[in-house]
C-alpha atoms as a PDB file:
ATOM      1  CA  MET A   1     140.429 115.047 101.400  1.00  0.00           C
ATOM      2  CA  MET A   2     137.646 113.079 100.187  1.00  0.00           C
ATOM      3  CA  ILE A   3     136.491 112.409 103.811  1.00  0.00           C
ATOM      4  CA  SER A   4     136.522 116.314 104.328  1.00  0.00           C
ATOM      5  CA  ASN A   5     134.364 117.018 100.922  1.00  0.00           C
ATOM      6  CA  ILE A   6     131.786 114.516 102.243  1.00  0.00           C
ATOM      7  CA  ILE A   7     131.355 115.974 105.652  1.00  0.00           C
ATOM      8  CA  ASP A   8     131.149 119.556 104.125  1.00  0.00           C
ATOM      9  CA  MET A   9     128.805 117.999 101.771  1.00  0.00           C
ATOM     10  CA  THR A  10     126.744 116.442 104.955  1.00  0.00           C
ATOM     11  CA  GLU A  11     127.070 119.742 106.887  1.00  0.00           C
ATOM     12  CA  ILE A  12     125.258 121.617 103.814  1.00  0.00           C
ATOM     13  CA  SER A  13     122.750 119.157 103.357  1.00  0.00           C
ATOM     14  CA  PHE A  14     121.946 118.850 107.158  1.00  0.00           C
ATOM     15  CA  THR A  15     121.694 122.993 107.585  1.00  0.00           C
ATOM     16  CA  GLN A  16     119.408 122.857 104.580  1.00  0.00           C
ATOM     17  CA  ARG A  17     116.933 120.452 106.233  1.00  0.00           C
ATOM     18  CA  ILE A  18     117.066 122.647 109.428  1.00  0.00           C
ATOM     19  CA  ASP A  19     115.913 125.589 107.070  1.00  0.00           C
ATOM     20  CA  ARG A  20     113.164 123.441 105.386  1.00  0.00           C
ATOM     21  CA  LEU A  21     111.897 121.960 108.808  1.00  0.00           C
ATOM     22  CA  VAL A  22     111.965 125.648 110.117  1.00  0.00           C
ATOM     23  CA  ILE A  23     110.181 126.958 107.245  1.00  0.00           C
ATOM     24  CA  ALA A  24     107.632 124.286 107.288  1.00  0.00           C
ATOM     25  CA  LEU A  25     106.820 124.610 110.945  1.00  0.00           C
ATOM     26  CA  ILE A  26     106.413 128.455 110.866  1.00  0.00           C
ATOM     27  CA  SER A  27     104.085 128.010 107.683  1.00  0.00           C
ATOM     28  CA  MET A  28     102.135 125.342 109.620  1.00  0.00           C
ATOM     29  CA  HIS A  29     101.864 127.838 112.544  1.00  0.00           C
ATOM     30  CA  TYR A  30     100.558 130.914 110.654  1.00  0.00           C
ATOM     31  CA  TYR A  31      98.284 128.163 108.754  1.00  0.00           C
ATOM     32  CA  PHE A  32      96.579 126.989 112.132  1.00  0.00           C
ATOM     33  CA  SER A  33      96.531 130.440 113.524  1.00  0.00           C
ATOM     34  CA  ASP A  34      94.603 131.733 110.645  1.00  0.00           C
ATOM     35  CA  ASN A  35      92.207 129.178 111.129  1.00  0.00           C
END
């Protein structure tokens, strides 16, 4: 059970990292396109 809980936590943190990376790339894209 502990291993599955750790895997679930790592998957959640991994998806959150992907979401933040996508948001950062989109915001940078709009920032550079405006300038």
